[in-house]
Amino acid sequence: MIGKYIIYMKPFLTLSLILVAGLLWGQKQVIDQQQIWYKYYLKIPIGDRWQIREEIDFRNFVNPARQSQFLTRTHLQRNLGNGWDVALGFSYFRHSLPQDPEIADYTIRGELRPSFEVAHLQKLSDQFHLHHRYWTELRYFQEADDTYTFGTVRIRYKLELEYELSEKFSFLAFDEIHINVSNKVTYNVFDQNRYGISAMYSPVNNIGFELMYINWFQQTTAGDVFYNRDIIRVALHHTLGVFKKD
């Protein structure tokens, strides 16, 4: 059954690779960076259909050490049944610019991102789950006078395979592509691609500790400069059942 879904997704993955290869053909400079991220991921189920998701991320450069990004993200999610979910979200970012850890005297730029998400969970077996996520976000950037102006629309698609070894241990692998849609975008229609693997240990039902590796490959607005980031993310997953029925 797993092979069936791999075959189903093969045309999409092949098209993505061709698109990325074509866009990156003329690349001139790739900047390697290392980061470590700390994440708190809270879920609050409300009955059987609704859920609030809250994320807090601290993203830091490793060598030399300084802040890269801070973000908070909130989603209100609705379960539609048959594995389908929709969600409305809002995020607040603080970017430490420029994205060069060698520069200690950096500036902070805010960003606001309302978003809409559609997700589908396919149960391939009792242990294997395939998760599709389609995400559209509007990006508003802070200006010098502290107002926010619209920048771009970004479309994201993530494919994630999860393996549940037991009630306490699970593993996943994912790949996510980001595409910019705006008449303001000249070079970086392809914004970035992220892929990674992780392992999670859940000592109790509502608490999980996750260790993840992420490769983040991103094209800058200059078009010929790319970031290749190796990231270790440490995350605490917490489900709070205050509105859940007994």
C-alpha atoms as a PDB file:
ATOM      1  CA  MET A   1       0.000   0.000   0.000  1.00  0.00           C
ATOM      2  CA  ILE A   2       2.882   2.368   0.746  1.00  0.00           C
ATOM      3  CA  GLY A   3       4.226   1.731  -2.743  1.00  0.00           C
ATOM      4  CA  LYS A   4       0.842   2.697  -4.183  1.00  0.00           C
ATOM      5  CA  TYR A   5       1.010   6.168  -2.641  1.00  0.00           C
ATOM      6  CA  ILE A   6       4.663   6.638  -3.576  1.00  0.00           C
ATOM      7  CA  ILE A   7       3.700   5.916  -7.201  1.00  0.00           C
ATOM      8  CA  TYR A   8       0.766   8.338  -6.865  1.00  0.00           C
ATOM      9  CA  MET A   9       3.039  11.159  -5.667  1.00  0.00           C
ATOM     10  CA  LYS A  10       5.880  10.418  -8.110  1.00  0.00           C
ATOM     11  CA  PRO A  11       4.663  12.785 -10.892  1.00  0.00           C
ATOM     12  CA  PHE A  12       4.412  15.671  -8.408  1.00  0.00           C
ATOM     13  CA  LEU A  13       7.839  15.012  -6.926  1.00  0.00           C
ATOM     14  CA  THR A  14       9.403  14.676 -10.370  1.00  0.00           C
ATOM     15  CA  LEU A  15       7.832  17.964 -11.491  1.00  0.00           C
ATOM     16  CA  SER A  16       9.069  19.678  -8.326  1.00  0.00           C
ATOM     17  CA  LEU A  17      12.618  18.449  -8.880  1.00  0.00           C
ATOM     18  CA  ILE A  18      12.586  19.616 -12.512  1.00  0.00           C
ATOM     19  CA  LEU A  19      11.236  23.025 -11.463  1.00  0.00           C
ATOM     20  CA  VAL A  20      13.807  23.480  -8.718  1.00  0.00           C
ATOM     21  CA  ALA A  21      16.669  22.243 -10.927  1.00  0.00           C
ATOM     22  CA  GLY A  22      15.712  24.708 -13.662  1.00  0.00           C
ATOM     23  CA  LEU A  23      15.466  27.616 -11.269  1.00  0.00           C
ATOM     24  CA  LEU A  24      18.788  26.829  -9.628  1.00  0.00           C
ATOM     25  CA  TRP A  25      20.712  26.134 -12.827  1.00  0.00           C
ATOM     26  CA  GLY A  26      22.363  29.536 -12.919  1.00  0.00           C
ATOM     27  CA  GLN A  27      23.131  29.840  -9.196  1.00  0.00           C
ATOM     28  CA  LYS A  28      26.345  31.661  -8.322  1.00  0.00           C
ATOM     29  CA  GLN A  29      26.679  31.626  -4.548  1.00  0.00           C
ATOM     30  CA  VAL A  30      25.495  29.257  -1.821  1.00  0.00           C
ATOM     31  CA  ILE A  31      25.922  30.382   1.798  1.00  0.00           C
ATOM     32  CA  ASP A  32      26.069  27.548   4.361  1.00  0.00           C
ATOM     33  CA  GLN A  33      24.718  28.221   7.843  1.00  0.00           C
ATOM     34  CA  GLN A  34      23.938  26.213  10.969  1.00  0.00           C
ATOM     35  CA  GLN A  35      21.020  26.915  13.283  1.00  0.00           C
ATOM     36  CA  ILE A  36      19.314  25.479  16.345  1.00  0.00           C
ATOM     37  CA  TRP A  37      15.592  25.976  16.945  1.00  0.00           C
ATOM     38  CA  TYR A  38      13.585  25.635  20.160  1.00  0.00           C
ATOM     39  CA  LYS A  39       9.848  25.096  19.766  1.00  0.00           C
ATOM     40  CA  TYR A  40       6.811  24.832  22.024  1.00  0.00           C
ATOM     41  CA  TYR A  41       3.768  23.343  20.279  1.00  0.00           C
ATOM     42  CA  LEU A  42       0.462  23.473  22.171  1.00  0.00           C
ATOM     43  CA  LYS A  43      -2.791  21.829  21.066  1.00  0.00           C
ATOM     44  CA  ILE A  44      -6.111  22.519  22.780  1.00  0.00           C
ATOM     45  CA  PRO A  45      -8.942  20.268  21.512  1.00  0.00           C
ATOM     46  CA  ILE A  46     -12.440  21.756  21.786  1.00  0.00           C
ATOM     47  CA  GLY A  47     -14.960  18.946  21.543  1.00  0.00           C
ATOM     48  CA  ASP A  48     -14.576  16.457  18.701  1.00  0.00           C
ATOM     49  CA  ARG A  49     -14.326  18.889  15.772  1.00  0.00           C
ATOM     50  CA  TRP A  50     -12.378  21.966  16.817  1.00  0.00           C
ATOM     51  CA  GLN A  51      -8.837  22.560  17.961  1.00  0.00           C
ATOM     52  CA  ILE A  52      -6.595  25.521  18.812  1.00  0.00           C
ATOM     53  CA  ARG A  53      -2.935  25.187  17.854  1.00  0.00           C
ATOM     54  CA  GLU A  54      -0.308  27.513  19.289  1.00  0.00           C
ATOM     55  CA  GLU A  55       3.397  27.554  18.358  1.00  0.00           C
ATOM     56  CA  ILE A  56       6.302  29.521  19.815  1.00  0.00           C
ATOM     57  CA  ASP A  57       9.677  29.319  18.041  1.00  0.00           C
ATOM     58  CA  PHE A  58      13.107  30.619  18.984  1.00  0.00           C
ATOM     59  CA  ARG A  59      15.480  30.262  16.016  1.00  0.00           C
ATOM     60  CA  ASN A  60      19.169  30.946  16.536  1.00  0.00           C
ATOM     61  CA  PHE A  61      22.436  30.796  14.625  1.00  0.00           C
ATOM     62  CA  VAL A  62      25.027  28.443  16.076  1.00  0.00           C
ATOM     63  CA  ASN A  63      28.436  29.779  15.029  1.00  0.00           C
ATOM     64  CA  PRO A  64      28.615  32.537  16.029  1.00  0.00           C
ATOM     65  CA  ALA A  65      25.542  32.389  18.248  1.00  0.00           C
ATOM     66  CA  ARG A  66      22.859  35.028  17.848  1.00  0.00           C
ATOM     67  CA  GLN A  67      19.137  35.285  17.168  1.00  0.00           C
ATOM     68  CA  SER A  68      17.798  34.574  13.672  1.00  0.00           C
ATOM     69  CA  GLN A  69      14.013  34.654  14.117  1.00  0.00           C
ATOM     70  CA  PHE A  70      11.335  34.626  16.789  1.00  0.00           C
ATOM     71  CA  LEU A  71       7.756  33.717  15.950  1.00  0.00           C
ATOM     72  CA  THR A  72       4.373  32.940  17.410  1.00  0.00           C
ATOM     73  CA  ARG A  73       1.669  31.213  15.376  1.00  0.00           C
ATOM     74  CA  THR A  74      -1.987  30.523  16.251  1.00  0.00           C
ATOM     75  CA  HIS A  75      -4.433  28.350  14.293  1.00  0.00           C
ATOM     76  CA  LEU A  76      -8.100  27.559  14.756  1.00  0.00           C
ATOM     77  CA  GLN A  77      -8.661  24.144  13.184  1.00  0.00           C
ATOM     78  CA  ARG A  78     -11.866  22.384  12.135  1.00  0.00           C
ATOM     79  CA  ASN A  79     -12.093  18.649  11.550  1.00  0.00           C
ATOM     80  CA  LEU A  80     -14.231  17.953   8.462  1.00  0.00           C
ATOM     81  CA  GLY A  81     -14.139  14.160   8.737  1.00  0.00           C
ATOM     82  CA  ASN A  82     -12.585  11.464   6.539  1.00  0.00           C
ATOM     83  CA  GLY A  83      -9.127  12.714   7.415  1.00  0.00           C
ATOM     84  CA  TRP A  84      -9.682  16.308   6.217  1.00  0.00           C
ATOM     85  CA  ASP A  85      -9.001  19.467   8.268  1.00  0.00           C
ATOM     86  CA  VAL A  86      -9.123  23.188   7.557  1.00  0.00           C
ATOM     87  CA  ALA A  87      -7.603  25.967   9.638  1.00  0.00           C
ATOM     88  CA  LEU A  88      -7.308  29.747   9.805  1.00  0.00           C
ATOM     89  CA  GLY A  89      -4.097  31.083  11.258  1.00  0.00           C
ATOM     90  CA  PHE A  90      -2.140  34.180  12.177  1.00  0.00           C
ATOM     91  CA  SER A  91       1.605  34.507  12.770  1.00  0.00           C
ATOM     92  CA  TYR A  92       3.892  37.206  14.109  1.00  0.00           C
ATOM     93  CA  PHE A  93       7.585  37.139  13.157  1.00  0.00           C
ATOM     94  CA  ARG A  94      10.612  39.087  14.341  1.00  0.00           C
ATOM     95  CA  HIS A  95      13.448  38.802  11.807  1.00  0.00           C
ATOM     96  CA  SER A  96      17.003  39.662  12.872  1.00  0.00           C
ATOM     97  CA  LEU A  97      18.530  41.313   9.793  1.00  0.00           C
ATOM     98  CA  PRO A  98      20.792  40.836   7.989  1.00  0.00           C
ATOM     99  CA  GLN A  99      20.749  37.037   8.019  1.00  0.00           C
ATOM    100  CA  ASP A 100      24.482  36.910   8.703  1.00  0.00           C
ATOM    101  CA  PRO A 101      25.569  35.642  12.147  1.00  0.00           C
ATOM    102  CA  GLU A 102      28.913  37.423  11.787  1.00  0.00           C
ATOM    103  CA  ILE A 103      27.104  40.773  12.075  1.00  0.00           C
ATOM    104  CA  ALA A 104      26.357  41.334  15.768  1.00  0.00           C
ATOM    105  CA  ASP A 105      24.759  44.782  15.311  1.00  0.00           C
ATOM    106  CA  TYR A 106      21.546  43.593  13.650  1.00  0.00           C
ATOM    107  CA  THR A 107      18.137  45.224  13.286  1.00  0.00           C
ATOM    108  CA  ILE A 108      14.685  43.733  13.975  1.00  0.00           C
ATOM    109  CA  ARG A 109      11.949  43.695  11.334  1.00  0.00           C
ATOM    110  CA  GLY A 110       8.442  42.498  12.102  1.00  0.00           C
ATOM    111  CA  GLU A 111       6.191  40.491   9.826  1.00  0.00           C
ATOM    112  CA  LEU A 112       2.491  39.565  10.003  1.00  0.00           C
ATOM    113  CA  ARG A 113       1.130  36.461   8.264  1.00  0.00           C
ATOM    114  CA  PRO A 114      -2.572  35.573   8.095  1.00  0.00           C
ATOM    115  CA  SER A 115      -2.936  32.101   6.604  1.00  0.00           C
ATOM    116  CA  PHE A 116      -5.349  29.429   5.413  1.00  0.00           C
ATOM    117  CA  GLU A 117      -4.611  25.701   5.582  1.00  0.00           C
ATOM    118  CA  VAL A 118      -6.133  22.514   4.179  1.00  0.00           C
ATOM    119  CA  ALA A 119      -4.743  19.177   5.360  1.00  0.00           C
ATOM    120  CA  HIS A 120      -5.478  15.523   4.724  1.00  0.00           C
ATOM    121  CA  LEU A 121      -4.339  12.506   6.749  1.00  0.00           C
ATOM    122  CA  GLN A 122      -4.211   9.114   5.024  1.00  0.00           C
ATOM    123  CA  LYS A 123      -3.839   6.026   7.187  1.00  0.00           C
ATOM    124  CA  LEU A 124      -1.771   3.646   5.104  1.00  0.00           C
ATOM    125  CA  SER A 125      -1.757   1.093   7.928  1.00  0.00           C
ATOM    126  CA  ASP A 126      -1.962   1.014  11.721  1.00  0.00           C
ATOM    127  CA  GLN A 127       1.621   2.304  11.896  1.00  0.00           C
ATOM    128  CA  PHE A 128       2.147   4.356   8.716  1.00  0.00           C
ATOM    129  CA  HIS A 129       0.344   7.670   8.112  1.00  0.00           C
ATOM    130  CA  LEU A 130       0.718  10.002   5.127  1.00  0.00           C
ATOM    131  CA  HIS A 131      -0.055  13.664   5.750  1.00  0.00           C
ATOM    132  CA  HIS A 132      -0.646  16.300   3.036  1.00  0.00           C
ATOM    133  CA  ARG A 133      -0.723  19.987   3.950  1.00  0.00           C
ATOM    134  CA  TYR A 134      -1.645  22.863   1.596  1.00  0.00           C
ATOM    135  CA  TRP A 135      -0.937  26.265   3.090  1.00  0.00           C
ATOM    136  CA  THR A 136      -1.460  29.805   1.737  1.00  0.00           C
ATOM    137  CA  GLU A 137      -0.110  32.786   3.670  1.00  0.00           C
ATOM    138  CA  LEU A 138      -0.168  36.554   3.103  1.00  0.00           C
ATOM    139  CA  ARG A 139       3.037  38.321   4.140  1.00  0.00           C
ATOM    140  CA  TYR A 140       3.006  41.886   5.526  1.00  0.00           C
ATOM    141  CA  PHE A 141       6.378  43.458   6.366  1.00  0.00           C
ATOM    142  CA  GLN A 142       7.128  46.189   8.886  1.00  0.00           C
ATOM    143  CA  GLU A 143       8.316  49.524   7.466  1.00  0.00           C
ATOM    144  CA  ALA A 144      10.504  52.230   9.045  1.00  0.00           C
ATOM    145  CA  ASP A 145       7.430  54.118  10.343  1.00  0.00           C
ATOM    146  CA  ASP A 146       6.151  50.915  12.058  1.00  0.00           C
ATOM    147  CA  THR A 147       3.345  50.388   9.553  1.00  0.00           C
ATOM    148  CA  TYR A 148       2.977  47.104   7.671  1.00  0.00           C
ATOM    149  CA  THR A 149       2.764  46.779   3.888  1.00  0.00           C
ATOM    150  CA  PHE A 150       1.784  43.780   1.807  1.00  0.00           C
ATOM    151  CA  GLY A 151       4.694  41.845   0.311  1.00  0.00           C
ATOM    152  CA  THR A 152       3.819  38.505  -1.279  1.00  0.00           C
ATOM    153  CA  VAL A 153       1.481  35.542  -1.228  1.00  0.00           C
ATOM    154  CA  ARG A 154       3.303  32.321  -0.483  1.00  0.00           C
ATOM    155  CA  ILE A 155       1.934  28.863  -1.249  1.00  0.00           C
ATOM    156  CA  ARG A 156       3.329  25.871   0.625  1.00  0.00           C
ATOM    157  CA  TYR A 157       2.871  22.144   0.153  1.00  0.00           C
ATOM    158  CA  LYS A 158       4.197  19.583   2.615  1.00  0.00           C
ATOM    159  CA  LEU A 159       4.233  15.800   2.309  1.00  0.00           C
ATOM    160  CA  GLU A 160       4.925  13.974   5.561  1.00  0.00           C
ATOM    161  CA  LEU A 161       5.246  10.265   6.320  1.00  0.00           C
ATOM    162  CA  GLU A 162       4.869   9.179   9.954  1.00  0.00           C
ATOM    163  CA  TYR A 163       5.734   5.806  11.463  1.00  0.00           C
ATOM    164  CA  GLU A 164       4.353   4.947  14.914  1.00  0.00           C
ATOM    165  CA  LEU A 165       6.657   2.378  16.440  1.00  0.00           C
ATOM    166  CA  SER A 166       4.655   2.275  19.678  1.00  0.00           C
ATOM    167  CA  GLU A 167       2.524   4.508  21.888  1.00  0.00           C
ATOM    168  CA  LYS A 168       5.694   6.209  23.120  1.00  0.00           C
ATOM    169  CA  PHE A 169       7.920   6.393  20.024  1.00  0.00           C
ATOM    170  CA  SER A 170       7.219   7.768  16.544  1.00  0.00           C
ATOM    171  CA  PHE A 171       9.303   8.862  13.560  1.00  0.00           C
ATOM    172  CA  LEU A 172       8.595  11.047  10.538  1.00  0.00           C
ATOM    173  CA  ALA A 173      10.131  12.279   7.306  1.00  0.00           C
ATOM    174  CA  PHE A 174       8.893  15.269   5.328  1.00  0.00           C
ATOM    175  CA  ASP A 175       9.503  17.506   2.332  1.00  0.00           C
ATOM    176  CA  GLU A 176       7.983  20.980   1.894  1.00  0.00           C
ATOM    177  CA  ILE A 177       8.213  23.421  -1.015  1.00  0.00           C
ATOM    178  CA  HIS A 178       7.427  27.173  -0.847  1.00  0.00           C
ATOM    179  CA  ILE A 179       6.385  29.192  -3.921  1.00  0.00           C
ATOM    180  CA  ASN A 180       6.008  32.994  -4.067  1.00  0.00           C
ATOM    181  CA  VAL A 181       3.058  34.466  -5.985  1.00  0.00           C
ATOM    182  CA  SER A 182       3.278  38.233  -6.527  1.00  0.00           C
ATOM    183  CA  ASN A 183       4.044  40.778  -9.236  1.00  0.00           C
ATOM    184  CA  LYS A 184       6.706  42.107  -6.842  1.00  0.00           C
ATOM    185  CA  VAL A 185       8.717  38.882  -7.173  1.00  0.00           C
ATOM    186  CA  THR A 186      11.408  39.066  -9.851  1.00  0.00           C
ATOM    187  CA  TYR A 187      13.743  36.131  -9.243  1.00  0.00           C
ATOM    188  CA  ASN A 188      12.644  33.989  -6.311  1.00  0.00           C
ATOM    189  CA  VAL A 189       9.358  32.469  -7.481  1.00  0.00           C
ATOM    190  CA  PHE A 190      10.850  29.373  -5.915  1.00  0.00           C
ATOM    191  CA  ASP A 191      11.302  30.605  -2.353  1.00  0.00           C
ATOM    192  CA  GLN A 192      12.621  27.563  -0.537  1.00  0.00           C
ATOM    193  CA  ASN A 193      12.537  23.837   0.043  1.00  0.00           C
ATOM    194  CA  ARG A 194      12.736  22.113   3.413  1.00  0.00           C
ATOM    195  CA  TYR A 195      13.145  18.428   4.139  1.00  0.00           C
ATOM    196  CA  GLY A 196      13.897  16.603   7.349  1.00  0.00           C
ATOM    197  CA  ILE A 197      13.503  13.677   9.701  1.00  0.00           C
ATOM    198  CA  SER A 198      12.607  13.472  13.384  1.00  0.00           C
ATOM    199  CA  ALA A 199      12.046  11.171  16.320  1.00  0.00           C
ATOM    200  CA  MET A 200       9.549  11.811  19.112  1.00  0.00           C
ATOM    201  CA  TYR A 201       9.275  10.281  22.565  1.00  0.00           C
ATOM    202  CA  SER A 202       5.958  10.631  24.418  1.00  0.00           C
ATOM    203  CA  PRO A 203       6.262   9.493  28.042  1.00  0.00           C
ATOM    204  CA  VAL A 204       2.555  10.276  28.607  1.00  0.00           C
ATOM    205  CA  ASN A 205      -0.358  10.826  26.233  1.00  0.00           C
ATOM    206  CA  ASN A 206      -0.296  14.630  26.267  1.00  0.00           C
ATOM    207  CA  ILE A 207       3.482  15.296  26.296  1.00  0.00           C
ATOM    208  CA  GLY A 208       6.026  14.630  23.557  1.00  0.00           C
ATOM    209  CA  PHE A 209       9.717  15.473  23.140  1.00  0.00           C
ATOM    210  CA  GLU A 210      10.893  15.752  19.531  1.00  0.00           C
ATOM    211  CA  LEU A 211      14.369  15.951  18.007  1.00  0.00           C
ATOM    212  CA  MET A 212      14.406  16.962  14.326  1.00  0.00           C
ATOM    213  CA  TYR A 213      16.948  17.629  11.579  1.00  0.00           C
ATOM    214  CA  ILE A 214      15.927  20.112   8.852  1.00  0.00           C
ATOM    215  CA  ASN A 215      17.686  21.145   5.662  1.00  0.00           C
ATOM    216  CA  TRP A 216      16.463  24.576   4.554  1.00  0.00           C
ATOM    217  CA  PHE A 217      17.480  25.651   1.035  1.00  0.00           C
ATOM    218  CA  GLN A 218      16.298  29.165   0.185  1.00  0.00           C
ATOM    219  CA  GLN A 219      16.703  31.543  -2.737  1.00  0.00           C
ATOM    220  CA  THR A 220      17.132  35.230  -1.880  1.00  0.00           C
ATOM    221  CA  THR A 221      15.460  38.114  -3.683  1.00  0.00           C
ATOM    222  CA  ALA A 222      18.767  38.760  -5.493  1.00  0.00           C
ATOM    223  CA  GLY A 223      18.211  35.537  -7.420  1.00  0.00           C
ATOM    224  CA  ASP A 224      21.844  34.367  -7.529  1.00  0.00           C
ATOM    225  CA  VAL A 225      22.414  33.967  -3.775  1.00  0.00           C
ATOM    226  CA  PHE A 226      21.096  30.954  -1.853  1.00  0.00           C
ATOM    227  CA  TYR A 227      21.085  29.895   1.796  1.00  0.00           C
ATOM    228  CA  ASN A 228      21.732  26.258   2.665  1.00  0.00           C
ATOM    229  CA  ARG A 229      20.915  25.824   6.346  1.00  0.00           C
ATOM    230  CA  ASP A 230      21.439  22.734   8.502  1.00  0.00           C
ATOM    231  CA  ILE A 231      19.084  22.953  11.467  1.00  0.00           C
ATOM    232  CA  ILE A 232      18.551  20.980  14.651  1.00  0.00           C
ATOM    233  CA  ARG A 233      15.136  21.571  16.222  1.00  0.00           C
ATOM    234  CA  VAL A 234      14.222  20.608  19.779  1.00  0.00           C
ATOM    235  CA  ALA A 235      10.479  20.703  20.422  1.00  0.00           C
ATOM    236  CA  LEU A 236       8.047  20.155  23.278  1.00  0.00           C
ATOM    237  CA  HIS A 237       4.581  18.983  22.167  1.00  0.00           C
ATOM    238  CA  HIS A 238       1.812  19.567  24.689  1.00  0.00           C
ATOM    239  CA  THR A 239      -1.890  18.704  24.400  1.00  0.00           C
ATOM    240  CA  LEU A 240      -4.122  20.448  26.922  1.00  0.00           C
ATOM    241  CA  GLY A 241      -7.544  18.811  27.199  1.00  0.00           C
ATOM    242  CA  VAL A 242      -9.363  21.522  29.113  1.00  0.00           C
ATOM    243  CA  PHE A 243     -12.344  21.586  26.716  1.00  0.00           C
ATOM    244  CA  LYS A 244     -12.351  17.897  25.924  1.00  0.00           C
ATOM    245  CA  LYS A 245     -15.327  15.734  26.781  1.00  0.00           C
ATOM    246  CA  ASP A 246     -14.843  12.953  29.336  1.00  0.00           C
END
